[in-house]
Amino acid sequence: MNALQLSILRHKGTPDRYGMPSHATVDARRILTCVGLTWNEAPFKIPPGRTRKTGQTKA
């Protein structure tokens, strides 16, 4: 689980941010599945208003 990482990239011309997940090992995927989570290795756009500390959308 220590090897799971998420890099956050910020677009220079816009306020857009993107998440770039690391590769998850088979064991890490099994642990995540046991607790009802998944790990997607595809890059994704981070929705506006997401905070770093809680991961929750600002009200």
PDB file of N, CA and C in Angstrom:
ATOM      1  N   MET A   1       0.816  -1.179   0.000  1.00  0.00           N
ATOM      2  CA  MET A   1       0.000   0.000   0.000  1.00  0.00           C
ATOM      3  C   MET A   1       0.872   1.259   0.000  1.00  0.00           C
ATOM      4  N   ASN A   2       2.068   1.171   0.542  1.00  0.00           N
ATOM      5  CA  ASN A   2       2.935   2.344   0.562  1.00  0.00           C
ATOM      6  C   ASN A   2       3.350   2.784  -0.833  1.00  0.00           C
ATOM      7  N   ALA A   3       3.282   1.892  -1.795  1.00  0.00           N
ATOM      8  CA  ALA A   3       3.705   2.228  -3.153  1.00  0.00           C
ATOM      9  C   ALA A   3       2.631   2.976  -3.940  1.00  0.00           C
ATOM     10  N   LEU A   4       1.390   3.019  -3.450  1.00  0.00           N
ATOM     11  CA  LEU A   4       0.336   3.741  -4.163  1.00  0.00           C
ATOM     12  C   LEU A   4       0.562   5.231  -4.032  1.00  0.00           C
ATOM     13  N   GLN A   5       0.596   5.899  -5.176  1.00  0.00           N
ATOM     14  CA  GLN A   5       0.810   7.340  -5.185  1.00  0.00           C
ATOM     15  C   GLN A   5      -0.116   7.992  -6.196  1.00  0.00           C
ATOM     16  N   LEU A   6      -0.395   9.261  -5.982  1.00  0.00           N
ATOM     17  CA  LEU A   6      -1.184  10.038  -6.916  1.00  0.00           C
ATOM     18  C   LEU A   6      -0.465  11.362  -7.130  1.00  0.00           C
ATOM     19  N   SER A   7      -0.025  11.597  -8.350  1.00  0.00           N
ATOM     20  CA  SER A   7       0.594  12.877  -8.691  1.00  0.00           C
ATOM     21  C   SER A   7      -0.500  13.812  -9.180  1.00  0.00           C
ATOM     22  N   ILE A   8      -0.449  15.058  -8.730  1.00  0.00           N
ATOM     23  CA  ILE A   8      -1.423  16.050  -9.170  1.00  0.00           C
ATOM     24  C   ILE A   8      -0.703  17.050 -10.058  1.00  0.00           C
ATOM     25  N   LEU A   9      -1.198  17.182 -11.280  1.00  0.00           N
ATOM     26  CA  LEU A   9      -0.610  18.094 -12.258  1.00  0.00           C
ATOM     27  C   LEU A   9      -1.549  19.263 -12.476  1.00  0.00           C
ATOM     28  N   ARG A  10      -0.995  20.459 -12.529  1.00  0.00           N
ATOM     29  CA  ARG A  10      -1.794  21.666 -12.748  1.00  0.00           C
ATOM     30  C   ARG A  10      -1.510  22.202 -14.145  1.00  0.00           C
ATOM     31  N   HIS A  11      -2.566  22.483 -14.893  1.00  0.00           N
ATOM     32  CA  HIS A  11      -2.440  23.041 -16.234  1.00  0.00           C
ATOM     33  C   HIS A  11      -1.948  24.482 -16.121  1.00  0.00           C
ATOM     34  N   LYS A  12      -0.936  24.855 -16.909  1.00  0.00           N
ATOM     35  CA  LYS A  12      -0.363  26.209 -16.826  1.00  0.00           C
ATOM     36  C   LYS A  12      -1.336  27.293 -17.255  1.00  0.00           C
ATOM     37  N   GLY A  13      -2.159  27.029 -18.257  1.00  0.00           N
ATOM     38  CA  GLY A  13      -3.029  28.066 -18.808  1.00  0.00           C
ATOM     39  C   GLY A  13      -4.404  28.151 -18.187  1.00  0.00           C
ATOM     40  N   THR A  14      -4.796  27.174 -17.403  1.00  0.00           N
ATOM     41  CA  THR A  14      -6.125  27.164 -16.787  1.00  0.00           C
ATOM     42  C   THR A  14      -5.994  26.707 -15.336  1.00  0.00           C
ATOM     43  N   PRO A  15      -7.060  26.818 -14.561  1.00  0.00           N
ATOM     44  CA  PRO A  15      -7.000  26.325 -13.173  1.00  0.00           C
ATOM     45  C   PRO A  15      -7.221  24.812 -13.067  1.00  0.00           C
ATOM     46  N   ASP A  16      -7.304  24.117 -14.197  1.00  0.00           N
ATOM     47  CA  ASP A  16      -7.561  22.675 -14.194  1.00  0.00           C
ATOM     48  C   ASP A  16      -6.427  21.896 -13.534  1.00  0.00           C
ATOM     49  N   ARG A  17      -6.814  20.841 -12.797  1.00  0.00           N
ATOM     50  CA  ARG A  17      -5.857  19.927 -12.183  1.00  0.00           C
ATOM     51  C   ARG A  17      -6.203  18.508 -12.616  1.00  0.00           C
ATOM     52  N   TYR A  18      -5.170  17.676 -12.736  1.00  0.00           N
ATOM     53  CA  TYR A  18      -5.343  16.304 -13.181  1.00  0.00           C
ATOM     54  C   TYR A  18      -4.617  15.352 -12.234  1.00  0.00           C
ATOM     55  N   GLY A  19      -5.221  14.211 -11.976  1.00  0.00           N
ATOM     56  CA  GLY A  19      -4.611  13.191 -11.142  1.00  0.00           C
ATOM     57  C   GLY A  19      -3.978  12.126 -12.024  1.00  0.00           C
ATOM     58  N   MET A  20      -2.752  11.733 -11.681  1.00  0.00           N
ATOM     59  CA  MET A  20      -2.031  10.688 -12.399  1.00  0.00           C
ATOM     60  C   MET A  20      -1.698   9.590 -11.390  1.00  0.00           C
ATOM     61  N   PRO A  21      -2.535   8.551 -11.288  1.00  0.00           N
ATOM     62  CA  PRO A  21      -2.295   7.483 -10.318  1.00  0.00           C
ATOM     63  C   PRO A  21      -1.130   6.578 -10.710  1.00  0.00           C
ATOM     64  N   SER A  22      -0.475   6.032  -9.706  1.00  0.00           N
ATOM     65  CA  SER A  22       0.601   5.069  -9.943  1.00  0.00           C
ATOM     66  C   SER A  22       0.009   3.691 -10.227  1.00  0.00           C
ATOM     67  N   HIS A  23       0.868   2.766 -10.594  1.00  0.00           N
ATOM     68  CA  HIS A  23       0.456   1.378 -10.814  1.00  0.00           C
ATOM     69  C   HIS A  23       0.223   0.707  -9.463  1.00  0.00           C
ATOM     70  N   ALA A  24      -0.853  -0.042  -9.347  1.00  0.00           N
ATOM     71  CA  ALA A  24      -1.148  -0.766  -8.103  1.00  0.00           C
ATOM     72  C   ALA A  24      -0.771  -2.236  -8.266  1.00  0.00           C
ATOM     73  N   THR A  25      -0.117  -2.778  -7.268  1.00  0.00           N
ATOM     74  CA  THR A  25       0.240  -4.195  -7.298  1.00  0.00           C
ATOM     75  C   THR A  25      -1.024  -5.041  -7.097  1.00  0.00           C
ATOM     76  N   VAL A  26      -0.913  -6.322  -7.392  1.00  0.00           N
ATOM     77  CA  VAL A  26      -2.034  -7.245  -7.200  1.00  0.00           C
ATOM     78  C   VAL A  26      -2.450  -7.255  -5.732  1.00  0.00           C
ATOM     79  N   ASP A  27      -1.476  -7.289  -4.838  1.00  0.00           N
ATOM     80  CA  ASP A  27      -1.789  -7.314  -3.401  1.00  0.00           C
ATOM     81  C   ASP A  27      -2.501  -6.030  -2.962  1.00  0.00           C
ATOM     82  N   ALA A  28      -2.046  -4.892  -3.458  1.00  0.00           N
ATOM     83  CA  ALA A  28      -2.691  -3.625  -3.102  1.00  0.00           C
ATOM     84  C   ALA A  28      -4.136  -3.607  -3.603  1.00  0.00           C
ATOM     85  N   ARG A  29      -4.365  -4.106  -4.814  1.00  0.00           N
ATOM     86  CA  ARG A  29      -5.733  -4.170  -5.352  1.00  0.00           C
ATOM     87  C   ARG A  29      -6.613  -5.080  -4.496  1.00  0.00           C
ATOM     88  N   ARG A  30      -6.076  -6.185  -4.022  1.00  0.00           N
ATOM     89  CA  ARG A  30      -6.845  -7.102  -3.175  1.00  0.00           C
ATOM     90  C   ARG A  30      -7.236  -6.434  -1.860  1.00  0.00           C
ATOM     91  N   ILE A  31      -6.300  -5.711  -1.269  1.00  0.00           N
ATOM     92  CA  ILE A  31      -6.595  -5.006  -0.011  1.00  0.00           C
ATOM     93  C   ILE A  31      -7.678  -3.961  -0.242  1.00  0.00           C
ATOM     94  N   LEU A  32      -7.552  -3.183  -1.302  1.00  0.00           N
ATOM     95  CA  LEU A  32      -8.558  -2.160  -1.598  1.00  0.00           C
ATOM     96  C   LEU A  32      -9.930  -2.784  -1.821  1.00  0.00           C
ATOM     97  N   THR A  33      -9.969  -3.906  -2.525  1.00  0.00           N
ATOM     98  CA  THR A  33     -11.233  -4.600  -2.769  1.00  0.00           C
ATOM     99  C   THR A  33     -11.864  -5.053  -1.459  1.00  0.00           C
ATOM    100  N   CYS A  34     -11.059  -5.520  -0.517  1.00  0.00           N
ATOM    101  CA  CYS A  34     -11.564  -5.985   0.781  1.00  0.00           C
ATOM    102  C   CYS A  34     -12.248  -4.875   1.567  1.00  0.00           C
ATOM    103  N   VAL A  35     -11.815  -3.638   1.367  1.00  0.00           N
ATOM    104  CA  VAL A  35     -12.425  -2.517   2.092  1.00  0.00           C
ATOM    105  C   VAL A  35     -13.400  -1.732   1.210  1.00  0.00           C
ATOM    106  N   GLY A  36     -13.750  -2.308   0.062  1.00  0.00           N
ATOM    107  CA  GLY A  36     -14.771  -1.705  -0.790  1.00  0.00           C
ATOM    108  C   GLY A  36     -14.296  -0.562  -1.664  1.00  0.00           C
ATOM    109  N   LEU A  37     -12.983  -0.502  -1.959  1.00  0.00           N
ATOM    110  CA  LEU A  37     -12.444   0.564  -2.793  1.00  0.00           C
ATOM    111  C   LEU A  37     -11.845  -0.010  -4.070  1.00  0.00           C
ATOM    112  N   THR A  38     -11.641   0.858  -5.039  1.00  0.00           N
ATOM    113  CA  THR A  38     -10.964   0.465  -6.280  1.00  0.00           C
ATOM    114  C   THR A  38      -9.857   1.461  -6.569  1.00  0.00           C
ATOM    115  N   TRP A  39      -8.906   1.087  -7.387  1.00  0.00           N
ATOM    116  CA  TRP A  39      -7.790   1.950  -7.779  1.00  0.00           C
ATOM    117  C   TRP A  39      -7.759   1.975  -9.295  1.00  0.00           C
ATOM    118  N   ASN A  40      -8.085   3.121  -9.861  1.00  0.00           N
ATOM    119  CA  ASN A  40      -8.091   3.285 -11.305  1.00  0.00           C
ATOM    120  C   ASN A  40      -6.769   3.906 -11.717  1.00  0.00           C
ATOM    121  N   GLU A  41      -6.060   3.292 -12.645  1.00  0.00           N
ATOM    122  CA  GLU A  41      -4.755   3.793 -13.067  1.00  0.00           C
ATOM    123  C   GLU A  41      -4.836   4.796 -14.211  1.00  0.00           C
ATOM    124  N   ALA A  42      -6.044   5.105 -14.662  1.00  0.00           N
ATOM    125  CA  ALA A  42      -6.206   6.064 -15.756  1.00  0.00           C
ATOM    126  C   ALA A  42      -6.127   7.491 -15.217  1.00  0.00           C
ATOM    127  N   PRO A  43      -5.454   8.394 -15.929  1.00  0.00           N
ATOM    128  CA  PRO A  43      -5.440   9.805 -15.519  1.00  0.00           C
ATOM    129  C   PRO A  43      -6.867  10.361 -15.500  1.00  0.00           C
ATOM    130  N   PHE A  44      -7.120  11.331 -14.630  1.00  0.00           N
ATOM    131  CA  PHE A  44      -8.458  11.908 -14.531  1.00  0.00           C
ATOM    132  C   PHE A  44      -8.379  13.382 -14.157  1.00  0.00           C
ATOM    133  N   LYS A  45      -9.422  14.127 -14.529  1.00  0.00           N
ATOM    134  CA  LYS A  45      -9.512  15.539 -14.172  1.00  0.00           C
ATOM    135  C   LYS A  45     -10.097  15.638 -12.768  1.00  0.00           C
ATOM    136  N   ILE A  46      -9.476  16.463 -11.928  1.00  0.00           N
ATOM    137  CA  ILE A  46      -9.954  16.662 -10.564  1.00  0.00           C
ATOM    138  C   ILE A  46     -11.035  17.743 -10.619  1.00  0.00           C
ATOM    139  N   PRO A  47     -12.229  17.434 -10.098  1.00  0.00           N
ATOM    140  CA  PRO A  47     -13.318  18.416 -10.157  1.00  0.00           C
ATOM    141  C   PRO A  47     -12.952  19.706  -9.435  1.00  0.00           C
ATOM    142  N   PRO A  48     -13.394  20.856  -9.952  1.00  0.00           N
ATOM    143  CA  PRO A  48     -13.126  22.129  -9.278  1.00  0.00           C
ATOM    144  C   PRO A  48     -13.733  22.124  -7.882  1.00  0.00           C
ATOM    145  N   GLY A  49     -13.061  22.769  -6.957  1.00  0.00           N
ATOM    146  CA  GLY A  49     -13.571  22.874  -5.595  1.00  0.00           C
ATOM    147  C   GLY A  49     -13.139  21.753  -4.675  1.00  0.00           C
ATOM    148  N   ARG A  50     -12.429  20.743  -5.195  1.00  0.00           N
ATOM    149  CA  ARG A  50     -11.950  19.663  -4.321  1.00  0.00           C
ATOM    150  C   ARG A  50     -10.837  20.209  -3.452  1.00  0.00           C
ATOM    151  N   THR A  51     -10.865  19.872  -2.164  1.00  0.00           N
ATOM    152  CA  THR A  51      -9.815  20.339  -1.263  1.00  0.00           C
ATOM    153  C   THR A  51      -8.771  19.253  -1.085  1.00  0.00           C
ATOM    154  N   ARG A  52      -7.562  19.657  -0.751  1.00  0.00           N
ATOM    155  CA  ARG A  52      -6.474  18.695  -0.533  1.00  0.00           C
ATOM    156  C   ARG A  52      -6.627  17.942   0.769  1.00  0.00           C
ATOM    157  N   LYS A  53      -7.062  18.634   1.818  1.00  0.00           N
ATOM    158  CA  LYS A  53      -7.065  18.018   3.151  1.00  0.00           C
ATOM    159  C   LYS A  53      -8.121  16.937   3.308  1.00  0.00           C
ATOM    160  N   THR A  54      -9.331  17.174   2.807  1.00  0.00           N
ATOM    161  CA  THR A  54     -10.404  16.224   3.072  1.00  0.00           C
ATOM    162  C   THR A  54     -10.850  15.465   1.838  1.00  0.00           C
ATOM    163  N   GLY A  55     -10.548  15.977   0.656  1.00  0.00           N
ATOM    164  CA  GLY A  55     -11.035  15.342  -0.556  1.00  0.00           C
ATOM    165  C   GLY A  55     -12.494  15.648  -0.822  1.00  0.00           C
ATOM    166  N   GLN A  56     -13.080  16.488   0.030  1.00  0.00           N
ATOM    167  CA  GLN A  56     -14.490  16.830  -0.112  1.00  0.00           C
ATOM    168  C   GLN A  56     -14.670  18.094  -0.952  1.00  0.00           C
ATOM    169  N   THR A  57     -15.811  18.217  -1.575  1.00  0.00           N
ATOM    170  CA  THR A  57     -16.137  19.405  -2.360  1.00  0.00           C
ATOM    171  C   THR A  57     -16.516  20.526  -1.418  1.00  0.00           C
ATOM    172  N   LYS A  58     -16.015  21.729  -1.699  1.00  0.00           N
ATOM    173  CA  LYS A  58     -16.348  22.891  -0.886  1.00  0.00           C
ATOM    174  C   LYS A  58     -17.820  23.250  -1.064  1.00  0.00           C
ATOM    175  N   ALA A  59     -18.456  23.667   0.020  1.00  0.00           N
ATOM    176  CA  ALA A  59     -19.885  24.032  -0.030  1.00  0.00           C
ATOM    177  C   ALA A  59     -20.059  25.445  -0.542  1.00  0.00           C
TER     178      ALA A  59
END
